C-alpha atoms as a PDB file:
ATOM      1  CA  UNK A   1     -54.654  13.940  38.734  1.00  0.00           C
ATOM      2  CA  UNK A   2     -52.122  11.230  39.844  1.00  0.00           C
ATOM      3  CA  UNK A   3     -53.175   8.959  36.788  1.00  0.00           C
ATOM      4  CA  UNK A   4     -52.524  12.003  34.399  1.00  0.00           C
ATOM      5  CA  UNK A   5     -49.070  12.816  36.063  1.00  0.00           C
ATOM      6  CA  UNK A   6     -48.023   9.077  36.044  1.00  0.00           C
ATOM      7  CA  UNK A   7     -49.047   9.025  32.351  1.00  0.00           C
ATOM      8  CA  UNK A   8     -47.098  12.088  31.650  1.00  0.00           C
ATOM      9  CA  UNK A   9     -44.068  10.659  33.309  1.00  0.00           C
ATOM     10  CA  UNK A  10     -44.364   7.457  31.541  1.00  0.00           C
ATOM     11  CA  UNK A  11     -44.742   9.251  28.227  1.00  0.00           C
ATOM     12  CA  UNK A  12     -41.540  11.189  29.046  1.00  0.00           C
ATOM     13  CA  UNK A  13     -39.569   8.243  29.996  1.00  0.00           C
ATOM     14  CA  UNK A  14     -40.716   6.349  26.900  1.00  0.00           C
ATOM     15  CA  UNK A  15     -39.747   9.240  24.589  1.00  0.00           C
ATOM     16  CA  UNK A  16     -36.342   9.567  26.465  1.00  0.00           C
ATOM     17  CA  UNK A  17     -35.599   5.847  25.953  1.00  0.00           C
ATOM     18  CA  UNK A  18     -36.773   5.936  22.375  1.00  0.00           C
ATOM     19  CA  UNK A  19     -34.659   8.870  21.394  1.00  0.00           C
ATOM     20  CA  UNK A  20     -31.652   7.316  23.175  1.00  0.00           C
ATOM     21  CA  UNK A  21     -32.181   4.084  21.214  1.00  0.00           C
ATOM     22  CA  UNK A  22     -32.408   6.014  17.780  1.00  0.00           C
ATOM     23  CA  UNK A  23     -29.300   8.055  18.685  1.00  0.00           C
ATOM     24  CA  UNK A  24     -27.322   4.829  19.452  1.00  0.00           C
ATOM     25  CA  UNK A  25     -28.420   3.177  16.160  1.00  0.00           C
ATOM     26  CA  UNK A  26     -27.595   6.206  14.248  1.00  0.00           C
ATOM     27  CA  UNK A  27     -24.278   6.433  15.775  1.00  0.00           C
ATOM     28  CA  UNK A  28     -23.400   2.807  14.853  1.00  0.00           C
ATOM     29  CA  UNK A  29     -24.450   3.119  11.350  1.00  0.00           C
ATOM     30  CA  UNK A  30     -22.091   6.055  11.145  1.00  0.00           C
ATOM     31  CA  UNK A  31     -19.186   4.090  12.600  1.00  0.00           C
ATOM     32  CA  UNK A  32     -19.921   1.199  10.294  1.00  0.00           C
ATOM     33  CA  UNK A  33     -19.839   3.300   7.188  1.00  0.00           C
ATOM     34  CA  UNK A  34     -16.799   5.420   8.328  1.00  0.00           C
ATOM     35  CA  UNK A  35     -14.739   2.329   9.244  1.00  0.00           C
ATOM     36  CA  UNK A  36     -11.569   1.271   7.320  1.00  0.00           C
ATOM     37  CA  UNK A  37     -12.062  -0.751   4.266  1.00  0.00           C
ATOM     38  CA  UNK A  38      -9.967  -3.853   5.191  1.00  0.00           C
ATOM     39  CA  UNK A  39     -11.275  -5.838   2.275  1.00  0.00           C
ATOM     40  CA  UNK A  40     -10.187  -3.292  -0.278  1.00  0.00           C
ATOM     41  CA  UNK A  41      -6.782  -2.863   1.404  1.00  0.00           C
ATOM     42  CA  UNK A  42      -6.273  -6.754   1.404  1.00  0.00           C
ATOM     43  CA  UNK A  43      -7.266  -6.952  -2.320  1.00  0.00           C
ATOM     44  CA  UNK A  44      -5.021  -4.037  -3.224  1.00  0.00           C
ATOM     45  CA  UNK A  45      -1.970  -5.605  -1.200  1.00  0.00           C
ATOM     46  CA  UNK A  46      -2.729  -9.078  -2.943  1.00  0.00           C
ATOM     47  CA  UNK A  47      -2.448  -7.246  -6.280  1.00  0.00           C
ATOM     48  CA  UNK A  48       0.925  -5.559  -5.425  1.00  0.00           C
ATOM     49  CA  UNK A  49       2.156  -8.914  -4.130  1.00  0.00           C
ATOM     50  CA  UNK A  50       1.339 -10.591  -7.523  1.00  0.00           C
ATOM     51  CA  UNK A  51       3.288  -7.809  -9.260  1.00  0.00           C
ATOM     52  CA  UNK A  52       6.344  -8.565  -7.094  1.00  0.00           C
ATOM     53  CA  UNK A  53       5.999 -12.328  -7.482  1.00  0.00           C
ATOM     54  CA  UNK A  54       5.901 -11.752 -11.261  1.00  0.00           C
ATOM     55  CA  UNK A  55       9.151  -9.710 -10.961  1.00  0.00           C
ATOM     56  CA  UNK A  56      10.664 -12.459  -9.058  1.00  0.00           C
ATOM     57  CA  UNK A  57       9.612 -14.956 -11.720  1.00  0.00           C
ATOM     58  CA  UNK A  58      10.900 -12.507 -14.416  1.00  0.00           C
ATOM     59  CA  UNK A  59       7.572 -12.532 -15.914  1.00  0.00           C
ATOM     60  CA  UNK A  60       7.582  -9.366 -17.873  1.00  0.00           C
ATOM     61  CA  UNK A  61       4.272 -10.044 -19.698  1.00  0.00           C
ATOM     62  CA  UNK A  62       2.583 -10.511 -16.338  1.00  0.00           C
ATOM     63  CA  UNK A  63       3.998  -7.322 -15.124  1.00  0.00           C
ATOM     64  CA  UNK A  64       3.243  -5.442 -18.173  1.00  0.00           C
ATOM     65  CA  UNK A  65      -0.415  -6.453 -17.885  1.00  0.00           C
ATOM     66  CA  UNK A  66      -0.557  -4.954 -14.345  1.00  0.00           C
ATOM     67  CA  UNK A  67       0.546  -1.525 -15.160  1.00  0.00           C
ATOM     68  CA  UNK A  68      -1.947   1.196 -16.289  1.00  0.00           C
ATOM     69  CA  UNK A  69      -1.280   3.081 -19.646  1.00  0.00           C
ATOM     70  CA  UNK A  70      -1.324   6.314 -17.691  1.00  0.00           C
ATOM     71  CA  UNK A  71       1.244   5.188 -15.012  1.00  0.00           C
ATOM     72  CA  UNK A  72       3.220   7.944 -13.328  1.00  0.00           C
ATOM     73  CA  UNK A  73       6.430   6.633 -12.003  1.00  0.00           C
ATOM     74  CA  UNK A  74       8.865   8.435  -9.581  1.00  0.00           C
ATOM     75  CA  UNK A  75      12.156   6.534  -9.942  1.00  0.00           C
ATOM     76  CA  UNK A  76      14.370   5.893  -6.874  1.00  0.00           C
ATOM     77  CA  UNK A  77      17.237   8.108  -8.320  1.00  0.00           C
ATOM     78  CA  UNK A  78      16.825  11.977  -8.223  1.00  0.00           C
ATOM     79  CA  UNK A  79      15.828  13.234 -11.384  1.00  0.00           C
ATOM     80  CA  UNK A  80      14.515  16.811 -10.373  1.00  0.00           C
ATOM     81  CA  UNK A  81      11.305  15.111  -9.124  1.00  0.00           C
ATOM     82  CA  UNK A  82      10.010  14.451 -12.768  1.00  0.00           C
ATOM     83  CA  UNK A  83       7.413  11.806 -12.997  1.00  0.00           C
ATOM     84  CA  UNK A  84       8.175   9.334 -15.798  1.00  0.00           C
ATOM     85  CA  UNK A  85       5.577   7.053 -17.637  1.00  0.00           C
ATOM     86  CA  UNK A  86       4.739   3.469 -18.224  1.00  0.00           C
ATOM     87  CA  UNK A  87       7.672   2.849 -20.792  1.00  0.00           C
ATOM     88  CA  UNK A  88      10.327   4.136 -18.499  1.00  0.00           C
ATOM     89  CA  UNK A  89       9.004   1.931 -15.682  1.00  0.00           C
ATOM     90  CA  UNK A  90       8.685  -1.165 -17.842  1.00  0.00           C
ATOM     91  CA  UNK A  91      12.198  -0.605 -19.142  1.00  0.00           C
ATOM     92  CA  UNK A  92      13.555  -0.381 -15.611  1.00  0.00           C
ATOM     93  CA  UNK A  93      11.831  -3.658 -14.797  1.00  0.00           C
ATOM     94  CA  UNK A  94      13.279  -5.391 -17.908  1.00  0.00           C
ATOM     95  CA  UNK A  95      16.807  -3.946 -16.984  1.00  0.00           C
ATOM     96  CA  UNK A  96      16.586  -5.888 -13.666  1.00  0.00           C
ATOM     97  CA  UNK A  97      15.377  -9.001 -15.531  1.00  0.00           C
ATOM     98  CA  UNK A  98      18.242  -8.728 -17.893  1.00  0.00           C
ATOM     99  CA  UNK A  99      20.955  -8.089 -15.212  1.00  0.00           C
ATOM    100  CA  UNK A 100      19.809 -10.208 -12.127  1.00  0.00           C
ATOM    101  CA  UNK A 101      18.761 -13.709 -11.372  1.00  0.00           C
ATOM    102  CA  UNK A 102      17.065 -15.005  -8.277  1.00  0.00           C
ATOM    103  CA  UNK A 103      15.070 -11.727  -7.734  1.00  0.00           C
ATOM    104  CA  UNK A 104      13.255 -12.192  -4.326  1.00  0.00           C
ATOM    105  CA  UNK A 105      11.214  -9.645  -2.371  1.00  0.00           C
ATOM    106  CA  UNK A 106      10.717 -10.138   1.364  1.00  0.00           C
ATOM    107  CA  UNK A 107       8.080  -7.642   2.817  1.00  0.00           C
ATOM    108  CA  UNK A 108       8.451  -5.947   6.029  1.00  0.00           C
ATOM    109  CA  UNK A 109      10.611  -3.465   7.915  1.00  0.00           C
ATOM    110  CA  UNK A 110      13.866  -5.098   9.226  1.00  0.00           C
ATOM    111  CA  UNK A 111      13.800  -4.942  13.193  1.00  0.00           C
ATOM    112  CA  UNK A 112      16.551  -6.316  15.399  1.00  0.00           C
ATOM    113  CA  UNK A 113      14.777  -9.626  15.972  1.00  0.00           C
ATOM    114  CA  UNK A 114      11.937  -9.732  13.226  1.00  0.00           C
ATOM    115  CA  UNK A 115      10.275  -8.191  10.242  1.00  0.00           C
ATOM    116  CA  UNK A 116       7.515  -5.665  10.989  1.00  0.00           C
ATOM    117  CA  UNK A 117       4.509  -5.141   8.645  1.00  0.00           C
ATOM    118  CA  UNK A 118       5.372  -4.565   4.947  1.00  0.00           C
ATOM    119  CA  UNK A 119       2.060  -2.906   3.776  1.00  0.00           C
ATOM    120  CA  UNK A 120       0.562   0.096   5.352  1.00  0.00           C
ATOM    121  CA  UNK A 121      -2.204   2.680   4.442  1.00  0.00           C
ATOM    122  CA  UNK A 122      -4.224   5.302   5.902  1.00  0.00           C
ATOM    123  CA  UNK A 123      -3.201   7.873   8.478  1.00  0.00           C
ATOM    124  CA  UNK A 124      -4.352   9.761  11.547  1.00  0.00           C
ATOM    125  CA  UNK A 125      -1.972  12.728  10.912  1.00  0.00           C
ATOM    126  CA  UNK A 126      -1.964  15.395   9.932  1.00  0.00           C
ATOM    127  CA  UNK A 127      -5.595  16.099  10.791  1.00  0.00           C
ATOM    128  CA  UNK A 128      -6.235  18.050   7.530  1.00  0.00           C
ATOM    129  CA  UNK A 129      -5.310  14.938   5.328  1.00  0.00           C
ATOM    130  CA  UNK A 130      -6.007  12.021   7.518  1.00  0.00           C
ATOM    131  CA  UNK A 131      -7.790   9.203   5.842  1.00  0.00           C
ATOM    132  CA  UNK A 132      -9.009   5.650   6.320  1.00  0.00           C
ATOM    133  CA  UNK A 133      -9.015   4.829   2.682  1.00  0.00           C
ATOM    134  CA  UNK A 134      -6.364   2.278   1.259  1.00  0.00           C
ATOM    135  CA  UNK A 135      -5.770   4.300  -1.839  1.00  0.00           C
ATOM    136  CA  UNK A 136      -2.084   4.693  -1.332  1.00  0.00           C
ATOM    137  CA  UNK A 137      -0.305   1.778  -0.104  1.00  0.00           C
ATOM    138  CA  UNK A 138       3.220   2.310   1.541  1.00  0.00           C
ATOM    139  CA  UNK A 139       5.298  -0.723   0.954  1.00  0.00           C
ATOM    140  CA  UNK A 140       8.554  -1.657   2.912  1.00  0.00           C
ATOM    141  CA  UNK A 141      10.668  -4.686   2.395  1.00  0.00           C
ATOM    142  CA  UNK A 142      14.052  -5.916   0.964  1.00  0.00           C
ATOM    143  CA  UNK A 143      14.863  -7.058  -2.584  1.00  0.00           C
ATOM    144  CA  UNK A 144      17.654  -9.467  -3.006  1.00  0.00           C
ATOM    145  CA  UNK A 145      19.086 -11.019  -6.274  1.00  0.00           C
ATOM    146  CA  UNK A 146      22.236 -12.436  -7.973  1.00  0.00           C
ATOM    147  CA  UNK A 147      23.939  -9.996 -10.454  1.00  0.00           C
ATOM    148  CA  UNK A 148      24.104 -12.259 -13.571  1.00  0.00           C
ATOM    149  CA  UNK A 149      27.549 -10.965 -14.866  1.00  0.00           C
ATOM    150  CA  UNK A 150      29.423 -11.243 -11.594  1.00  0.00           C
ATOM    151  CA  UNK A 151      27.513 -13.914  -9.697  1.00  0.00           C
ATOM    152  CA  UNK A 152      27.484 -11.550  -6.617  1.00  0.00           C
ATOM    153  CA  UNK A 153      24.456 -11.538  -4.442  1.00  0.00           C
ATOM    154  CA  UNK A 154      23.148  -8.106  -3.749  1.00  0.00           C
ATOM    155  CA  UNK A 155      20.274  -6.755  -1.421  1.00  0.00           C
ATOM    156  CA  UNK A 156      18.651  -3.437  -1.044  1.00  0.00           C
ATOM    157  CA  UNK A 157      16.238  -2.017   1.589  1.00  0.00           C
ATOM    158  CA  UNK A 158      13.245  -0.653  -0.274  1.00  0.00           C
ATOM    159  CA  UNK A 159      10.222   1.583   0.077  1.00  0.00           C
ATOM    160  CA  UNK A 160       7.393   2.506  -2.435  1.00  0.00           C
ATOM    161  CA  UNK A 161       4.149   4.341  -2.320  1.00  0.00           C
ATOM    162  CA  UNK A 162       1.809   2.548  -4.611  1.00  0.00           C
ATOM    163  CA  UNK A 163      -1.707   3.470  -5.882  1.00  0.00           C
ATOM    164  CA  UNK A 164      -3.845   1.264  -8.315  1.00  0.00           C
ATOM    165  CA  UNK A 165      -6.906   2.212 -10.300  1.00  0.00           C
ATOM    166  CA  UNK A 166     -10.310   0.485 -10.161  1.00  0.00           C
ATOM    167  CA  UNK A 167      -9.140  -2.184 -12.657  1.00  0.00           C
ATOM    168  CA  UNK A 168      -6.372  -3.186 -10.205  1.00  0.00           C
ATOM    169  CA  UNK A 169      -3.561  -1.853 -12.336  1.00  0.00           C
ATOM    170  CA  UNK A 170      -0.526   0.355 -11.101  1.00  0.00           C
ATOM    171  CA  UNK A 171      -1.315   4.030 -11.785  1.00  0.00           C
ATOM    172  CA  UNK A 172       1.171   5.640  -9.434  1.00  0.00           C
ATOM    173  CA  UNK A 173       4.558   4.323  -8.057  1.00  0.00           C
ATOM    174  CA  UNK A 174       7.060   6.406  -6.263  1.00  0.00           C
ATOM    175  CA  UNK A 175      10.215   4.131  -5.431  1.00  0.00           C
ATOM    176  CA  UNK A 176      12.970   4.947  -2.881  1.00  0.00           C
ATOM    177  CA  UNK A 177      16.156   2.828  -2.462  1.00  0.00           C
ATOM    178  CA  UNK A 178      19.855   3.347  -2.612  1.00  0.00           C
ATOM    179  CA  UNK A 179      20.567   2.713  -6.293  1.00  0.00           C
ATOM    180  CA  UNK A 180      24.265   3.292  -5.951  1.00  0.00           C
ATOM    181  CA  UNK A 181      24.202   0.708  -3.195  1.00  0.00           C
ATOM    182  CA  UNK A 182      23.640  -1.933  -5.726  1.00  0.00           C
ATOM    183  CA  UNK A 183      26.465  -0.817  -7.823  1.00  0.00           C
ATOM    184  CA  UNK A 184      28.811  -0.796  -4.743  1.00  0.00           C
ATOM    185  CA  UNK A 185      27.902  -4.289  -3.908  1.00  0.00           C
ATOM    186  CA  UNK A 186      28.553  -5.384  -7.463  1.00  0.00           C
ATOM    187  CA  UNK A 187      32.008  -3.780  -7.653  1.00  0.00           C
ATOM    188  CA  UNK A 188      33.147  -4.843  -4.109  1.00  0.00           C
ATOM    189  CA  UNK A 189      36.033  -7.305  -4.011  1.00  0.00           C
END
């Protein structure tokens, strides 16, 4: 009888340990699959940085090749929240190339003694739309340039929400910056 009782206890312990082990393995697999896709985020940020470098180099052809034909663009100025297309976006880029030299982008949020991260994605709040996927990249930084006609140096703090397609081309861009602030800097004595 003692042998049977010992065997039952041993079998119960074995079953308990075995179940705990499988539960732990299953939990690890879920965490691994559900974790943030850092490689995809880094790849997307590198493509965005290449676009900004091409802008600074005034390489219009390179920028044009990075834009999807189906691009939806919300410009920085208020237009009744109407989305514009690729042609309007590229015309804006060309306008900057025609009117400014030394175009430079510096990524990061200006803090009192440093710059804090310039590229962000994912969210924890609100719960209903929280995501770990890097499909929309929030970009923060500063653009500087020299106005060609006046020779004046200008700068503007800038924010954009950028989405790329599976081909690595821009499909959605929503820009925010003080457009009038650029004109004010140029007109200043």
